[in-house]
Amino acid sequence: MKNLFKISILLMLAFSLTACGSKEESAAESQPESVRNDDPMNVTKIMSTEKGDTVVLTFFPKGDEFAIKLKIDGQEIELDPKGTSDKGNPVFSDGHYGWEMFVDGRSGRLFTDDSEGQFYKER
């Protein structure tokens, strides 16, 4: 049931992004080459904090679920699905970094095993 919930949230996210195709095409032209994504199964988002810290998230299929490639501070980290938070939001982690994707699909919380985390939203 949890897997079905995670997959349905990520599919809704993917469909909402493809529905705004012309907006995404112009955004892709302005993105750096390292952020462009030609694979329709992968969804890439750039998110920022109010302070200006930025992360790049790429959602991609892994087995029968989705995983995330997180680019932060020049390093790329793969986060695997780990279930849901107390609020029902999908959570991804590698054991040190974690990402909680909020229901709106345009924001989330990046945390480490020793911090509460920071709020990020799509720019």
N, C-alpha and C. Protein backbone atom coordinates (compact mmCIF):
# COMPACT_ATOMS: atom_id res chain seq x y z
N MET A 1 0.82 -1.19 0.00
CA MET A 1 0.00 0.00 0.00
C MET A 1 0.87 1.26 0.00
N LYS A 2 1.95 1.23 0.81
CA LYS A 2 2.84 2.39 0.85
C LYS A 2 3.53 2.59 -0.49
N ASN A 3 3.93 1.48 -1.13
CA ASN A 3 4.57 1.59 -2.44
C ASN A 3 3.62 2.19 -3.46
N LEU A 4 2.37 1.77 -3.41
CA LEU A 4 1.36 2.31 -4.32
C LEU A 4 1.18 3.81 -4.08
N PHE A 5 1.17 4.24 -2.84
CA PHE A 5 1.04 5.66 -2.50
C PHE A 5 2.23 6.45 -3.04
N LYS A 6 3.44 5.95 -2.82
CA LYS A 6 4.64 6.64 -3.30
C LYS A 6 4.63 6.74 -4.82
N ILE A 7 4.31 5.65 -5.48
CA ILE A 7 4.31 5.64 -6.93
C ILE A 7 3.25 6.59 -7.47
N SER A 8 2.06 6.61 -6.84
CA SER A 8 1.00 7.50 -7.32
C SER A 8 1.38 8.96 -7.14
N ILE A 9 2.03 9.31 -6.02
CA ILE A 9 2.48 10.70 -5.81
C ILE A 9 3.49 11.09 -6.87
N LEU A 10 4.47 10.23 -7.12
CA LEU A 10 5.50 10.54 -8.11
C LEU A 10 4.94 10.58 -9.53
N LEU A 11 3.97 9.72 -9.82
CA LEU A 11 3.35 9.77 -11.15
C LEU A 11 2.55 11.05 -11.33
N MET A 12 1.84 11.48 -10.28
CA MET A 12 1.12 12.75 -10.37
C MET A 12 2.10 13.89 -10.60
N LEU A 13 3.23 13.84 -9.93
CA LEU A 13 4.27 14.85 -10.11
C LEU A 13 4.77 14.84 -11.56
N ALA A 14 5.03 13.67 -12.09
CA ALA A 14 5.52 13.56 -13.46
C ALA A 14 4.47 14.04 -14.46
N PHE A 15 3.20 13.67 -14.26
CA PHE A 15 2.15 14.12 -15.17
C PHE A 15 1.94 15.62 -15.10
N SER A 16 2.04 16.19 -13.92
CA SER A 16 1.86 17.65 -13.80
C SER A 16 2.98 18.38 -14.51
N LEU A 17 4.17 17.82 -14.50
CA LEU A 17 5.28 18.46 -15.20
C LEU A 17 5.15 18.33 -16.70
N THR A 18 4.67 17.20 -17.19
CA THR A 18 4.53 17.03 -18.63
C THR A 18 3.34 17.81 -19.16
N ALA A 19 2.35 18.10 -18.33
CA ALA A 19 1.19 18.87 -18.76
C ALA A 19 1.58 20.31 -19.08
N CYS A 20 2.62 20.79 -18.46
CA CYS A 20 3.11 22.16 -18.71
C CYS A 20 4.31 22.09 -19.64
N GLY A 21 4.19 21.38 -20.73
CA GLY A 21 5.30 21.13 -21.64
C GLY A 21 5.99 22.37 -22.15
N SER A 22 5.24 23.37 -22.61
CA SER A 22 5.90 24.55 -23.17
C SER A 22 6.66 25.31 -22.10
N LYS A 23 6.14 25.35 -20.90
CA LYS A 23 6.84 26.02 -19.79
C LYS A 23 8.14 25.27 -19.48
N GLU A 24 8.10 23.96 -19.46
CA GLU A 24 9.27 23.15 -19.16
C GLU A 24 10.31 23.26 -20.27
N GLU A 25 9.86 23.34 -21.54
CA GLU A 25 10.81 23.44 -22.64
C GLU A 25 11.61 24.72 -22.55
N SER A 26 10.95 25.84 -22.25
CA SER A 26 11.69 27.09 -22.12
C SER A 26 12.57 27.07 -20.89
N ALA A 27 12.14 26.41 -19.83
CA ALA A 27 12.98 26.30 -18.63
C ALA A 27 14.20 25.43 -18.92
N ALA A 28 14.03 24.38 -19.72
CA ALA A 28 15.15 23.49 -20.04
C ALA A 28 16.20 24.23 -20.85
N GLU A 29 15.77 25.16 -21.71
CA GLU A 29 16.73 25.91 -22.51
C GLU A 29 17.59 26.82 -21.65
N SER A 30 17.04 27.29 -20.52
CA SER A 30 17.79 28.21 -19.67
C SER A 30 18.60 27.48 -18.60
N GLN A 31 18.42 26.16 -18.46
CA GLN A 31 19.15 25.41 -17.46
C GLN A 31 20.55 25.10 -17.94
N PRO A 32 21.50 24.98 -17.00
CA PRO A 32 22.84 24.56 -17.39
C PRO A 32 22.81 23.16 -17.98
N GLU A 33 23.79 22.83 -18.81
CA GLU A 33 23.85 21.53 -19.48
C GLU A 33 23.80 20.38 -18.50
N SER A 34 24.39 20.53 -17.31
CA SER A 34 24.43 19.44 -16.35
C SER A 34 23.07 19.14 -15.74
N VAL A 35 22.07 20.03 -15.94
CA VAL A 35 20.75 19.84 -15.36
C VAL A 35 19.75 19.35 -16.39
N ARG A 36 20.06 19.49 -17.67
CA ARG A 36 19.13 19.07 -18.71
C ARG A 36 18.88 17.58 -18.63
N ASN A 37 17.67 17.22 -19.00
CA ASN A 37 17.26 15.84 -18.86
C ASN A 37 16.43 15.45 -20.07
N ASP A 38 16.96 14.57 -20.92
CA ASP A 38 16.27 14.16 -22.13
C ASP A 38 15.45 12.89 -21.95
N ASP A 39 15.59 12.22 -20.85
CA ASP A 39 14.86 10.99 -20.59
C ASP A 39 13.49 11.33 -20.02
N PRO A 40 12.39 10.95 -20.71
CA PRO A 40 11.06 11.31 -20.22
C PRO A 40 10.68 10.62 -18.90
N MET A 41 11.38 9.57 -18.54
CA MET A 41 11.09 8.89 -17.26
C MET A 41 11.74 9.60 -16.08
N ASN A 42 12.69 10.49 -16.34
CA ASN A 42 13.37 11.23 -15.28
C ASN A 42 12.80 12.63 -15.20
N VAL A 43 12.60 13.09 -13.99
CA VAL A 43 12.09 14.45 -13.75
C VAL A 43 13.14 15.18 -12.92
N THR A 44 13.61 16.33 -13.41
CA THR A 44 14.62 17.11 -12.70
C THR A 44 14.01 18.41 -12.20
N LYS A 45 14.30 18.73 -10.94
CA LYS A 45 13.81 19.96 -10.32
C LYS A 45 14.98 20.66 -9.64
N ILE A 46 14.97 21.99 -9.72
CA ILE A 46 15.94 22.80 -8.99
C ILE A 46 15.17 23.47 -7.85
N MET A 47 15.66 23.28 -6.64
CA MET A 47 14.99 23.83 -5.47
C MET A 47 15.97 24.67 -4.67
N SER A 48 15.44 25.73 -4.01
CA SER A 48 16.28 26.66 -3.26
C SER A 48 15.66 26.97 -1.91
N THR A 49 16.53 27.36 -0.97
CA THR A 49 16.06 27.86 0.32
C THR A 49 15.88 29.36 0.20
N GLU A 50 15.32 29.97 1.23
CA GLU A 50 15.19 31.43 1.24
C GLU A 50 16.56 32.10 1.28
N LYS A 51 17.56 31.41 1.84
CA LYS A 51 18.91 31.96 1.91
C LYS A 51 19.66 31.85 0.58
N GLY A 52 19.12 31.07 -0.37
CA GLY A 52 19.75 30.93 -1.67
C GLY A 52 20.50 29.62 -1.87
N ASP A 53 20.52 28.74 -0.88
CA ASP A 53 21.13 27.42 -1.06
C ASP A 53 20.31 26.65 -2.09
N THR A 54 20.98 25.95 -2.99
CA THR A 54 20.29 25.27 -4.09
C THR A 54 20.65 23.79 -4.13
N VAL A 55 19.67 22.97 -4.46
CA VAL A 55 19.88 21.55 -4.73
C VAL A 55 19.19 21.22 -6.05
N VAL A 56 19.72 20.20 -6.73
CA VAL A 56 19.11 19.69 -7.95
C VAL A 56 18.66 18.27 -7.65
N LEU A 57 17.38 18.00 -7.86
CA LEU A 57 16.81 16.68 -7.63
C LEU A 57 16.40 16.07 -8.96
N THR A 58 16.83 14.85 -9.21
CA THR A 58 16.39 14.11 -10.40
C THR A 58 15.70 12.84 -9.93
N PHE A 59 14.41 12.74 -10.21
CA PHE A 59 13.63 11.55 -9.87
C PHE A 59 13.76 10.57 -11.03
N PHE A 60 14.06 9.32 -10.72
CA PHE A 60 14.24 8.32 -11.77
C PHE A 60 13.73 6.97 -11.29
N PRO A 61 13.26 6.12 -12.22
CA PRO A 61 12.77 4.80 -11.82
C PRO A 61 13.92 3.91 -11.37
N LYS A 62 13.67 3.18 -10.31
CA LYS A 62 14.65 2.21 -9.80
C LYS A 62 13.85 0.99 -9.35
N GLY A 63 13.92 -0.05 -10.16
CA GLY A 63 13.08 -1.21 -9.89
C GLY A 63 11.62 -0.85 -10.09
N ASP A 64 10.78 -1.16 -9.11
CA ASP A 64 9.36 -0.82 -9.22
C ASP A 64 9.02 0.46 -8.45
N GLU A 65 10.04 1.21 -8.05
CA GLU A 65 9.84 2.46 -7.32
C GLU A 65 10.63 3.58 -7.99
N PHE A 66 10.60 4.74 -7.37
CA PHE A 66 11.40 5.87 -7.82
C PHE A 66 12.47 6.17 -6.80
N ALA A 67 13.61 6.67 -7.25
CA ALA A 67 14.70 7.11 -6.38
C ALA A 67 15.06 8.53 -6.79
N ILE A 68 15.98 9.15 -6.06
CA ILE A 68 16.38 10.53 -6.33
C ILE A 68 17.89 10.62 -6.43
N LYS A 69 18.36 11.36 -7.43
CA LYS A 69 19.77 11.77 -7.47
C LYS A 69 19.78 13.21 -6.97
N LEU A 70 20.50 13.43 -5.90
CA LEU A 70 20.58 14.74 -5.26
C LEU A 70 21.94 15.34 -5.57
N LYS A 71 21.96 16.54 -6.15
CA LYS A 71 23.22 17.25 -6.39
C LYS A 71 23.27 18.40 -5.39
N ILE A 72 24.29 18.35 -4.52
CA ILE A 72 24.46 19.38 -3.50
C ILE A 72 25.94 19.59 -3.27
N ASP A 73 26.36 20.83 -3.22
CA ASP A 73 27.76 21.19 -2.97
C ASP A 73 28.73 20.46 -3.90
N GLY A 74 28.35 20.30 -5.17
CA GLY A 74 29.23 19.68 -6.15
C GLY A 74 29.28 18.17 -6.11
N GLN A 75 28.53 17.55 -5.23
CA GLN A 75 28.53 16.08 -5.19
C GLN A 75 27.15 15.55 -5.53
N GLU A 76 27.12 14.35 -6.12
CA GLU A 76 25.87 13.71 -6.48
C GLU A 76 25.65 12.51 -5.57
N ILE A 77 24.47 12.46 -4.96
CA ILE A 77 24.14 11.42 -3.99
C ILE A 77 22.85 10.75 -4.43
N GLU A 78 22.80 9.43 -4.38
CA GLU A 78 21.59 8.70 -4.74
C GLU A 78 20.81 8.37 -3.47
N LEU A 79 19.55 8.79 -3.45
CA LEU A 79 18.67 8.55 -2.31
C LEU A 79 17.61 7.53 -2.70
N ASP A 80 17.48 6.49 -1.90
CA ASP A 80 16.51 5.44 -2.16
C ASP A 80 15.23 5.69 -1.36
N PRO A 81 14.08 5.19 -1.84
CA PRO A 81 12.83 5.37 -1.10
C PRO A 81 12.89 4.63 0.23
N LYS A 82 12.41 5.29 1.28
CA LYS A 82 12.45 4.71 2.63
C LYS A 82 11.09 4.70 3.31
N GLY A 83 10.03 4.94 2.56
CA GLY A 83 8.69 4.94 3.15
C GLY A 83 8.12 6.34 3.20
N THR A 84 7.34 6.61 4.25
CA THR A 84 6.71 7.91 4.38
C THR A 84 6.98 8.49 5.76
N SER A 85 6.85 9.82 5.83
CA SER A 85 7.03 10.51 7.11
C SER A 85 5.76 10.38 7.95
N ASP A 86 5.78 10.95 9.15
CA ASP A 86 4.59 10.94 10.00
C ASP A 86 3.42 11.66 9.35
N LYS A 87 3.74 12.61 8.46
CA LYS A 87 2.71 13.38 7.77
C LYS A 87 2.24 12.69 6.48
N GLY A 88 2.83 11.56 6.13
CA GLY A 88 2.45 10.83 4.94
C GLY A 88 3.21 11.22 3.68
N ASN A 89 4.26 12.03 3.83
CA ASN A 89 5.07 12.45 2.69
C ASN A 89 6.13 11.40 2.36
N PRO A 90 6.40 11.16 1.06
CA PRO A 90 7.44 10.21 0.69
C PRO A 90 8.81 10.67 1.20
N VAL A 91 9.61 9.73 1.70
CA VAL A 91 10.95 10.03 2.23
C VAL A 91 11.96 9.18 1.47
N PHE A 92 13.08 9.82 1.12
CA PHE A 92 14.18 9.17 0.43
C PHE A 92 15.44 9.41 1.24
N SER A 93 16.34 8.41 1.29
CA SER A 93 17.55 8.57 2.11
C SER A 93 18.66 7.64 1.63
N ASP A 94 19.90 8.03 1.98
CA ASP A 94 21.05 7.16 1.76
C ASP A 94 21.70 6.78 3.09
N GLY A 95 21.07 7.13 4.19
CA GLY A 95 21.63 6.86 5.51
C GLY A 95 22.20 8.10 6.16
N HIS A 96 22.67 9.06 5.34
CA HIS A 96 23.17 10.32 5.88
C HIS A 96 22.26 11.48 5.46
N TYR A 97 22.07 11.64 4.15
CA TYR A 97 21.16 12.65 3.64
C TYR A 97 19.77 12.06 3.49
N GLY A 98 18.77 12.92 3.65
CA GLY A 98 17.39 12.50 3.43
C GLY A 98 16.60 13.62 2.78
N TRP A 99 15.59 13.24 2.01
CA TRP A 99 14.70 14.21 1.37
C TRP A 99 13.26 13.79 1.65
N GLU A 100 12.49 14.73 2.19
CA GLU A 100 11.05 14.53 2.39
C GLU A 100 10.34 15.39 1.36
N MET A 101 9.64 14.75 0.41
CA MET A 101 8.93 15.47 -0.64
C MET A 101 7.54 15.82 -0.13
N PHE A 102 7.19 17.11 -0.18
CA PHE A 102 5.88 17.53 0.30
C PHE A 102 4.82 17.25 -0.77
N VAL A 103 3.57 17.23 -0.34
CA VAL A 103 2.45 16.82 -1.19
C VAL A 103 2.32 17.69 -2.44
N ASP A 104 2.69 18.97 -2.36
CA ASP A 104 2.53 19.85 -3.51
C ASP A 104 3.48 19.48 -4.66
N GLY A 105 4.50 18.68 -4.38
CA GLY A 105 5.46 18.27 -5.41
C GLY A 105 6.43 19.36 -5.81
N ARG A 106 6.34 20.51 -5.20
CA ARG A 106 7.20 21.65 -5.55
C ARG A 106 8.05 22.12 -4.38
N SER A 107 8.02 21.36 -3.29
CA SER A 107 8.81 21.74 -2.12
C SER A 107 9.14 20.49 -1.32
N GLY A 108 10.09 20.65 -0.40
CA GLY A 108 10.49 19.52 0.42
C GLY A 108 11.48 19.95 1.49
N ARG A 109 11.94 18.97 2.22
CA ARG A 109 12.87 19.23 3.31
C ARG A 109 14.08 18.32 3.15
N LEU A 110 15.26 18.94 3.10
CA LEU A 110 16.52 18.21 3.05
C LEU A 110 17.06 18.13 4.46
N PHE A 111 17.37 16.93 4.91
CA PHE A 111 17.88 16.76 6.26
C PHE A 111 19.04 15.78 6.26
N THR A 112 19.83 15.83 7.32
CA THR A 112 20.89 14.86 7.53
C THR A 112 20.57 14.11 8.81
N ASP A 113 21.35 13.07 9.08
CA ASP A 113 21.07 12.27 10.27
C ASP A 113 21.31 13.04 11.56
N ASP A 114 21.96 14.21 11.49
CA ASP A 114 22.22 14.99 12.70
C ASP A 114 21.59 16.39 12.64
N SER A 115 20.61 16.62 11.74
CA SER A 115 19.96 17.92 11.68
C SER A 115 18.47 17.77 11.37
N GLU A 116 17.71 18.79 11.72
CA GLU A 116 16.28 18.82 11.43
C GLU A 116 16.01 19.11 9.96
N GLY A 117 16.96 19.77 9.30
CA GLY A 117 16.83 20.01 7.88
C GLY A 117 16.45 21.42 7.53
N GLN A 118 16.42 21.67 6.21
CA GLN A 118 16.06 22.96 5.66
C GLN A 118 14.94 22.80 4.64
N PHE A 119 14.07 23.79 4.60
CA PHE A 119 12.95 23.82 3.67
C PHE A 119 13.42 24.34 2.31
N TYR A 120 13.11 23.62 1.26
CA TYR A 120 13.45 24.02 -0.11
C TYR A 120 12.15 24.10 -0.91
N LYS A 121 12.11 25.02 -1.87
CA LYS A 121 10.98 25.08 -2.79
C LYS A 121 11.49 25.28 -4.20
N GLU A 122 10.67 24.86 -5.16
CA GLU A 122 11.05 24.97 -6.57
C GLU A 122 11.13 26.44 -6.96
N ARG A 123 12.15 26.76 -7.75
CA ARG A 123 12.25 28.16 -8.17
C ARG A 123 11.70 28.35 -9.53
